[in-house]
Amino acid sequence: MYVNKVRSSYSLFKHTDIDLKDYPELPEYPSHVSDVLHVDRIVGDVPNKPRALAALAAWNTELNKVVPDPEQPGEIKSWKQVNLIFVNMGMDLPQEYGYALQDKWKNGNKNDFIVSFSPASDGSMKWVHAFSWSEVDMLKLEVQDYMTEQGYGKDFVPIVEHVAQMVADQFVRKQFADFNYLQIEVSATSIYIIWGLEMSLLACYMYKCIKIFLQRRRNMTFYS
């Protein structure tokens, strides 16, 4: 099973004009396991949801199937190493909800491709916002365009099938090497505390050196 290991700070990508306190009703990252031992990766209601969930689970299994590793002969790997997730944010909401979800979930796990959307009351899509650590931005744009043109409709299964095929064709996972270093956000108070500790350690070291120096001088004076 492919394991998520995102170790990069999201602060560089956070939407500066979004305050999560203004969006208290945002959904949590999906973790509910269904009766067939799949994580339900459609958050919120969609038309024909049971079949849509089954179709998405089948696609996520396919996207993570074991295949030979062309870069390491004799070894195997997970194929696309991606989990496709759909999130219905609710009817007729502003697009800022999609940005807020991206901030709350901190862009998702490293192998996620997340599609958030808000249906309009007339059956169209008010907006679609796809996000992922993958740097294939064209895929995100094409998914957004497709779902906007397709509309909400009366059956979500065709949308799952089409978007999953787009992900299979274009998704490229961001490499672990790009996440080697954990960026720690340090506040001004933390900086002062760290500086104070460093100065204290330096003072202790200097005191010890001076004490040793004076002791040696006393010993030299005594023996002379």
C-alpha atoms as a PDB file:
ATOM      1  CA  MET A   1       0.000   0.000   0.000  1.00  0.00           C
ATOM      2  CA  TYR A   2       1.295   3.434  -0.903  1.00  0.00           C
ATOM      3  CA  VAL A   3       1.992   5.607   2.141  1.00  0.00           C
ATOM      4  CA  ASN A   4       1.524   9.386   2.209  1.00  0.00           C
ATOM      5  CA  LYS A   5       4.566  11.266   3.517  1.00  0.00           C
ATOM      6  CA  VAL A   6       4.101  14.966   2.860  1.00  0.00           C
ATOM      7  CA  ARG A   7       6.856  16.789   4.746  1.00  0.00           C
ATOM      8  CA  SER A   8       6.671  20.246   3.264  1.00  0.00           C
ATOM      9  CA  SER A   9       5.203  23.357   4.847  1.00  0.00           C
ATOM     10  CA  TYR A  10       2.083  24.607   3.098  1.00  0.00           C
ATOM     11  CA  SER A  11       2.644  28.192   4.255  1.00  0.00           C
ATOM     12  CA  LEU A  12       4.286  29.152   0.951  1.00  0.00           C
ATOM     13  CA  PHE A  13       1.104  28.266  -0.936  1.00  0.00           C
ATOM     14  CA  LYS A  14      -1.582  29.407   1.485  1.00  0.00           C
ATOM     15  CA  HIS A  15      -4.183  31.840   0.149  1.00  0.00           C
ATOM     16  CA  THR A  16      -3.347  35.061   1.976  1.00  0.00           C
ATOM     17  CA  ASP A  17      -6.883  36.437   1.622  1.00  0.00           C
ATOM     18  CA  ILE A  18      -8.522  33.360   3.190  1.00  0.00           C
ATOM     19  CA  ASP A  19      -9.145  33.119   6.943  1.00  0.00           C
ATOM     20  CA  LEU A  20     -10.250  29.614   7.924  1.00  0.00           C
ATOM     21  CA  LYS A  21     -12.181  31.056  10.867  1.00  0.00           C
ATOM     22  CA  ASP A  22     -14.659  32.345   8.285  1.00  0.00           C
ATOM     23  CA  TYR A  23     -15.329  28.782   7.061  1.00  0.00           C
ATOM     24  CA  PRO A  24     -16.067  26.697  10.189  1.00  0.00           C
ATOM     25  CA  GLU A  25     -18.268  24.228   8.291  1.00  0.00           C
ATOM     26  CA  LEU A  26     -15.526  22.940   5.969  1.00  0.00           C
ATOM     27  CA  PRO A  27     -15.447  19.117   5.786  1.00  0.00           C
ATOM     28  CA  GLU A  28     -12.658  17.040   7.289  1.00  0.00           C
ATOM     29  CA  TYR A  29     -10.304  14.967   5.151  1.00  0.00           C
ATOM     30  CA  PRO A  30     -12.087  11.701   4.197  1.00  0.00           C
ATOM     31  CA  SER A  31     -11.357   8.760   6.479  1.00  0.00           C
ATOM     32  CA  HIS A  32     -14.659   6.836   6.643  1.00  0.00           C
ATOM     33  CA  VAL A  33     -14.186   3.216   5.574  1.00  0.00           C
ATOM     34  CA  SER A  34     -17.216   1.670   3.856  1.00  0.00           C
ATOM     35  CA  ASP A  35     -18.493  -1.879   4.252  1.00  0.00           C
ATOM     36  CA  VAL A  36     -16.313  -3.007   1.349  1.00  0.00           C
ATOM     37  CA  LEU A  37     -13.135  -1.720   3.030  1.00  0.00           C
ATOM     38  CA  HIS A  38     -12.711   1.346   0.830  1.00  0.00           C
ATOM     39  CA  VAL A  39     -12.259   4.885   2.062  1.00  0.00           C
ATOM     40  CA  ASP A  40     -15.222   6.899   0.761  1.00  0.00           C
ATOM     41  CA  ARG A  41     -13.484   9.529  -1.349  1.00  0.00           C
ATOM     42  CA  ILE A  42     -16.592  11.426  -2.402  1.00  0.00           C
ATOM     43  CA  VAL A  43     -17.323  13.997   0.297  1.00  0.00           C
ATOM     44  CA  GLY A  44     -20.859  15.363   0.298  1.00  0.00           C
ATOM     45  CA  ASP A  45     -23.856  14.275  -1.739  1.00  0.00           C
ATOM     46  CA  VAL A  46     -23.768  13.626  -5.485  1.00  0.00           C
ATOM     47  CA  PRO A  47     -26.353  12.086  -7.838  1.00  0.00           C
ATOM     48  CA  ASN A  48     -26.246   8.272  -7.811  1.00  0.00           C
ATOM     49  CA  LYS A  49     -23.643   8.338  -5.038  1.00  0.00           C
ATOM     50  CA  PRO A  50     -23.459   4.552  -4.306  1.00  0.00           C
ATOM     51  CA  ARG A  51     -22.492   3.760  -7.901  1.00  0.00           C
ATOM     52  CA  ALA A  52     -20.223   6.794  -8.077  1.00  0.00           C
ATOM     53  CA  LEU A  53     -18.396   5.625  -4.935  1.00  0.00           C
ATOM     54  CA  ALA A  54     -18.003   2.137  -6.399  1.00  0.00           C
ATOM     55  CA  ALA A  55     -16.682   3.541  -9.676  1.00  0.00           C
ATOM     56  CA  LEU A  56     -14.226   5.812  -7.868  1.00  0.00           C
ATOM     57  CA  ALA A  57     -12.997   2.995  -5.604  1.00  0.00           C
ATOM     58  CA  ALA A  58     -12.378   0.824  -8.673  1.00  0.00           C
ATOM     59  CA  TRP A  59     -10.470   3.624 -10.378  1.00  0.00           C
ATOM     60  CA  ASN A  60      -8.331   4.373  -7.318  1.00  0.00           C
ATOM     61  CA  THR A  61      -7.458   0.680  -7.127  1.00  0.00           C
ATOM     62  CA  GLU A  62      -6.512   0.761 -10.805  1.00  0.00           C
ATOM     63  CA  LEU A  63      -4.445   3.932 -10.408  1.00  0.00           C
ATOM     64  CA  ASN A  64      -2.441   2.287  -7.616  1.00  0.00           C
ATOM     65  CA  LYS A  65      -2.035  -1.177  -9.125  1.00  0.00           C
ATOM     66  CA  VAL A  66       1.362  -2.861  -8.977  1.00  0.00           C
ATOM     67  CA  VAL A  67       3.403  -2.586 -12.184  1.00  0.00           C
ATOM     68  CA  PRO A  68       7.042  -3.272 -13.152  1.00  0.00           C
ATOM     69  CA  ASP A  69       9.367  -0.374 -12.368  1.00  0.00           C
ATOM     70  CA  PRO A  70      11.062   0.651 -15.652  1.00  0.00           C
ATOM     71  CA  GLU A  71      13.774   2.528 -13.762  1.00  0.00           C
ATOM     72  CA  GLN A  72      14.667  -0.488 -11.601  1.00  0.00           C
ATOM     73  CA  PRO A  73      14.551  -3.744 -13.589  1.00  0.00           C
ATOM     74  CA  GLY A  74      13.180  -6.604 -11.536  1.00  0.00           C
ATOM     75  CA  GLU A  75      11.434  -4.258  -9.104  1.00  0.00           C
ATOM     76  CA  ILE A  76       7.787  -3.233  -8.891  1.00  0.00           C
ATOM     77  CA  LYS A  77       5.985  -0.029  -7.984  1.00  0.00           C
ATOM     78  CA  SER A  78       2.513   1.441  -7.618  1.00  0.00           C
ATOM     79  CA  TRP A  79       1.432   2.720 -11.035  1.00  0.00           C
ATOM     80  CA  LYS A  80       0.224   6.319 -10.712  1.00  0.00           C
ATOM     81  CA  GLN A  81       0.423   6.570  -6.912  1.00  0.00           C
ATOM     82  CA  VAL A  82      -2.598   8.856  -6.710  1.00  0.00           C
ATOM     83  CA  ASN A  83      -5.922   8.953  -4.909  1.00  0.00           C
ATOM     84  CA  LEU A  84      -8.717  10.853  -6.634  1.00  0.00           C
ATOM     85  CA  ILE A  85     -11.079  12.690  -4.270  1.00  0.00           C
ATOM     86  CA  PHE A  86     -14.249  14.668  -5.038  1.00  0.00           C
ATOM     87  CA  VAL A  87     -15.694  17.204  -2.589  1.00  0.00           C
ATOM     88  CA  ASN A  88     -19.137  18.755  -3.036  1.00  0.00           C
ATOM     89  CA  MET A  89     -18.834  21.974  -1.025  1.00  0.00           C
ATOM     90  CA  GLY A  90     -22.553  22.731  -1.207  1.00  0.00           C
ATOM     91  CA  MET A  91     -25.028  24.492  -3.462  1.00  0.00           C
ATOM     92  CA  ASP A  92     -24.325  27.986  -4.824  1.00  0.00           C
ATOM     93  CA  LEU A  93     -21.310  28.761  -2.646  1.00  0.00           C
ATOM     94  CA  PRO A  94     -18.592  31.276  -3.615  1.00  0.00           C
ATOM     95  CA  GLN A  95     -15.329  29.868  -4.980  1.00  0.00           C
ATOM     96  CA  GLU A  96     -13.472  31.011  -1.871  1.00  0.00           C
ATOM     97  CA  TYR A  97     -14.805  27.839  -0.245  1.00  0.00           C
ATOM     98  CA  GLY A  98     -12.630  25.803  -2.601  1.00  0.00           C
ATOM     99  CA  TYR A  99      -9.562  27.846  -1.686  1.00  0.00           C
ATOM    100  CA  ALA A 100     -10.408  27.551   2.015  1.00  0.00           C
ATOM    101  CA  LEU A 101     -10.678  23.760   1.708  1.00  0.00           C
ATOM    102  CA  GLN A 102      -7.275  23.677   0.023  1.00  0.00           C
ATOM    103  CA  ASP A 103      -5.832  25.627   2.952  1.00  0.00           C
ATOM    104  CA  LYS A 104      -7.601  23.492   5.585  1.00  0.00           C
ATOM    105  CA  TRP A 105      -6.366  20.265   3.994  1.00  0.00           C
ATOM    106  CA  LYS A 106      -2.972  21.877   3.244  1.00  0.00           C
ATOM    107  CA  ASN A 107      -3.131  20.794  -0.392  1.00  0.00           C
ATOM    108  CA  GLY A 108      -3.955  17.213   0.576  1.00  0.00           C
ATOM    109  CA  ASN A 109      -1.547  14.317   0.886  1.00  0.00           C
ATOM    110  CA  LYS A 110       1.274  14.118  -1.602  1.00  0.00           C
ATOM    111  CA  ASN A 111      -0.466  11.510  -3.750  1.00  0.00           C
ATOM    112  CA  ASP A 112      -3.917  13.148  -3.754  1.00  0.00           C
ATOM    113  CA  PHE A 113      -5.741  14.788  -6.624  1.00  0.00           C
ATOM    114  CA  ILE A 114      -8.665  16.658  -5.085  1.00  0.00           C
ATOM    115  CA  VAL A 115     -11.575  18.154  -7.010  1.00  0.00           C
ATOM    116  CA  SER A 116     -13.794  20.535  -5.042  1.00  0.00           C
ATOM    117  CA  PHE A 117     -16.900  22.044  -6.588  1.00  0.00           C
ATOM    118  CA  SER A 118     -20.169  23.848  -5.925  1.00  0.00           C
ATOM    119  CA  PRO A 119     -23.244  22.975  -8.004  1.00  0.00           C
ATOM    120  CA  ALA A 120     -25.619  25.755  -9.029  1.00  0.00           C
ATOM    121  CA  SER A 121     -29.353  25.548  -8.439  1.00  0.00           C
ATOM    122  CA  ASP A 122     -29.995  25.405 -12.200  1.00  0.00           C
ATOM    123  CA  GLY A 123     -28.038  22.140 -12.586  1.00  0.00           C
ATOM    124  CA  SER A 124     -24.797  23.685 -13.812  1.00  0.00           C
ATOM    125  CA  MET A 125     -21.492  23.941 -11.963  1.00  0.00           C
ATOM    126  CA  LYS A 126     -21.024  27.274 -10.228  1.00  0.00           C
ATOM    127  CA  TRP A 127     -17.283  26.582  -9.983  1.00  0.00           C
ATOM    128  CA  VAL A 128     -14.746  23.750  -9.866  1.00  0.00           C
ATOM    129  CA  HIS A 129     -11.386  23.974  -8.095  1.00  0.00           C
ATOM    130  CA  ALA A 130      -8.865  21.129  -8.444  1.00  0.00           C
ATOM    131  CA  PHE A 131      -5.703  21.031  -6.345  1.00  0.00           C
ATOM    132  CA  SER A 132      -2.800  18.665  -5.838  1.00  0.00           C
ATOM    133  CA  TRP A 133       0.922  18.643  -5.054  1.00  0.00           C
ATOM    134  CA  SER A 134       1.426  17.413  -8.616  1.00  0.00           C
ATOM    135  CA  GLU A 135       2.909  20.132 -10.796  1.00  0.00           C
ATOM    136  CA  VAL A 136       0.919  19.076 -13.881  1.00  0.00           C
ATOM    137  CA  ASP A 137      -1.181  22.237 -13.811  1.00  0.00           C
ATOM    138  CA  MET A 138      -2.718  21.524 -17.213  1.00  0.00           C
ATOM    139  CA  LEU A 139      -4.502  18.502 -15.733  1.00  0.00           C
ATOM    140  CA  LYS A 140      -6.087  20.662 -13.029  1.00  0.00           C
ATOM    141  CA  LEU A 141      -7.259  23.209 -15.595  1.00  0.00           C
ATOM    142  CA  GLU A 142      -8.669  20.573 -17.943  1.00  0.00           C
ATOM    143  CA  VAL A 143     -10.568  18.859 -15.118  1.00  0.00           C
ATOM    144  CA  GLN A 144     -12.040  22.202 -14.080  1.00  0.00           C
ATOM    145  CA  ASP A 145     -13.039  23.004 -17.661  1.00  0.00           C
ATOM    146  CA  TYR A 146     -14.569  19.566 -18.251  1.00  0.00           C
ATOM    147  CA  MET A 147     -16.695  19.550 -15.108  1.00  0.00           C
ATOM    148  CA  THR A 148     -17.807  23.141 -15.683  1.00  0.00           C
ATOM    149  CA  GLU A 149     -18.926  22.295 -19.215  1.00  0.00           C
ATOM    150  CA  GLN A 150     -20.504  18.999 -18.117  1.00  0.00           C
ATOM    151  CA  GLY A 151     -22.597  20.517 -15.356  1.00  0.00           C
ATOM    152  CA  TYR A 152     -23.810  18.753 -12.222  1.00  0.00           C
ATOM    153  CA  GLY A 153     -26.298  16.525 -14.053  1.00  0.00           C
ATOM    154  CA  LYS A 154     -28.342  13.656 -12.648  1.00  0.00           C
ATOM    155  CA  ASP A 155     -25.635  10.983 -12.492  1.00  0.00           C
ATOM    156  CA  PHE A 156     -22.135  11.565 -11.107  1.00  0.00           C
ATOM    157  CA  VAL A 157     -20.736   8.265 -12.409  1.00  0.00           C
ATOM    158  CA  PRO A 158     -19.811   9.583 -15.906  1.00  0.00           C
ATOM    159  CA  ILE A 159     -17.966  12.486 -14.274  1.00  0.00           C
ATOM    160  CA  VAL A 160     -15.997  10.083 -12.067  1.00  0.00           C
ATOM    161  CA  GLU A 161     -15.133   7.906 -15.056  1.00  0.00           C
ATOM    162  CA  HIS A 162     -14.014  10.785 -17.268  1.00  0.00           C
ATOM    163  CA  VAL A 163     -11.989  12.645 -14.643  1.00  0.00           C
ATOM    164  CA  ALA A 164     -10.333   9.408 -13.491  1.00  0.00           C
ATOM    165  CA  GLN A 165      -9.290   8.687 -17.072  1.00  0.00           C
ATOM    166  CA  MET A 166      -7.809  12.185 -17.338  1.00  0.00           C
ATOM    167  CA  VAL A 167      -5.852  11.570 -14.136  1.00  0.00           C
ATOM    168  CA  ALA A 168      -4.651   8.201 -15.446  1.00  0.00           C
ATOM    169  CA  ASP A 169      -3.450   9.849 -18.657  1.00  0.00           C
ATOM    170  CA  GLN A 170      -1.757  12.931 -17.215  1.00  0.00           C
ATOM    171  CA  PHE A 171      -1.050  12.749 -13.477  1.00  0.00           C
ATOM    172  CA  VAL A 172       2.601  12.822 -12.435  1.00  0.00           C
ATOM    173  CA  ARG A 173       3.328  12.394  -8.743  1.00  0.00           C
ATOM    174  CA  LYS A 174       5.661  14.866  -7.085  1.00  0.00           C
ATOM    175  CA  GLN A 175       8.829  13.038  -6.069  1.00  0.00           C
ATOM    176  CA  PHE A 176       9.809  12.375  -2.464  1.00  0.00           C
ATOM    177  CA  ALA A 177      13.128  14.092  -3.145  1.00  0.00           C
ATOM    178  CA  ASP A 178      11.215  17.373  -3.397  1.00  0.00           C
ATOM    179  CA  PHE A 179      10.031  16.917   0.207  1.00  0.00           C
ATOM    180  CA  ASN A 180      13.328  16.035   1.885  1.00  0.00           C
ATOM    181  CA  TYR A 181      13.392  18.984   4.228  1.00  0.00           C
ATOM    182  CA  LEU A 182      10.669  19.903   6.676  1.00  0.00           C
ATOM    183  CA  GLN A 183      10.174  23.645   6.771  1.00  0.00           C
ATOM    184  CA  ILE A 184       9.360  24.803  10.291  1.00  0.00           C
ATOM    185  CA  GLU A 185       7.478  28.055  10.689  1.00  0.00           C
ATOM    186  CA  VAL A 186       9.086  30.017  13.557  1.00  0.00           C
ATOM    187  CA  SER A 187       7.294  32.923  15.214  1.00  0.00           C
ATOM    188  CA  ALA A 188       9.059  36.086  16.402  1.00  0.00           C
ATOM    189  CA  THR A 189       8.619  34.968  20.028  1.00  0.00           C
ATOM    190  CA  SER A 190      10.234  31.624  19.229  1.00  0.00           C
ATOM    191  CA  ILE A 191      13.174  33.411  17.621  1.00  0.00           C
ATOM    192  CA  TYR A 192      13.741  35.484  20.780  1.00  0.00           C
ATOM    193  CA  ILE A 193      13.540  32.363  22.946  1.00  0.00           C
ATOM    194  CA  ILE A 194      16.049  30.529  20.755  1.00  0.00           C
ATOM    195  CA  TRP A 195      18.342  33.578  20.746  1.00  0.00           C
ATOM    196  CA  GLY A 196      18.120  33.790  24.542  1.00  0.00           C
ATOM    197  CA  LEU A 197      19.024  30.125  24.932  1.00  0.00           C
ATOM    198  CA  GLU A 198      21.984  30.512  22.603  1.00  0.00           C
ATOM    199  CA  MET A 199      23.232  33.538  24.557  1.00  0.00           C
ATOM    200  CA  SER A 200      22.831  31.638  27.837  1.00  0.00           C
ATOM    201  CA  LEU A 201      24.836  28.706  26.506  1.00  0.00           C
ATOM    202  CA  LEU A 202      27.512  31.070  25.223  1.00  0.00           C
ATOM    203  CA  ALA A 203      27.693  32.845  28.601  1.00  0.00           C
ATOM    204  CA  CYS A 204      28.034  29.514  30.429  1.00  0.00           C
ATOM    205  CA  TYR A 205      30.794  28.443  28.070  1.00  0.00           C
ATOM    206  CA  MET A 206      32.686  31.724  28.515  1.00  0.00           C
ATOM    207  CA  TYR A 207      32.301  31.504  32.312  1.00  0.00           C
ATOM    208  CA  LYS A 208      33.728  27.988  32.267  1.00  0.00           C
ATOM    209  CA  CYS A 209      36.673  29.048  30.102  1.00  0.00           C
ATOM    210  CA  ILE A 210      37.468  32.048  32.346  1.00  0.00           C
ATOM    211  CA  LYS A 211      37.203  29.884  35.469  1.00  0.00           C
ATOM    212  CA  ILE A 212      39.649  27.339  34.030  1.00  0.00           C
ATOM    213  CA  PHE A 213      42.012  30.135  32.949  1.00  0.00           C
ATOM    214  CA  LEU A 214      42.026  31.744  36.442  1.00  0.00           C
ATOM    215  CA  GLN A 215      42.529  28.355  38.109  1.00  0.00           C
ATOM    216  CA  ARG A 216      45.557  27.682  35.928  1.00  0.00           C
ATOM    217  CA  ARG A 217      47.010  31.112  36.741  1.00  0.00           C
ATOM    218  CA  ARG A 218      46.588  30.481  40.464  1.00  0.00           C
ATOM    219  CA  ASN A 219      48.315  27.134  40.107  1.00  0.00           C
ATOM    220  CA  MET A 220      51.191  28.714  38.176  1.00  0.00           C
ATOM    221  CA  THR A 221      51.577  31.431  40.848  1.00  0.00           C
ATOM    222  CA  PHE A 222      51.534  28.825  43.642  1.00  0.00           C
ATOM    223  CA  TYR A 223      54.282  26.685  42.080  1.00  0.00           C
ATOM    224  CA  SER A 224      56.431  29.662  41.182  1.00  0.00           C
END
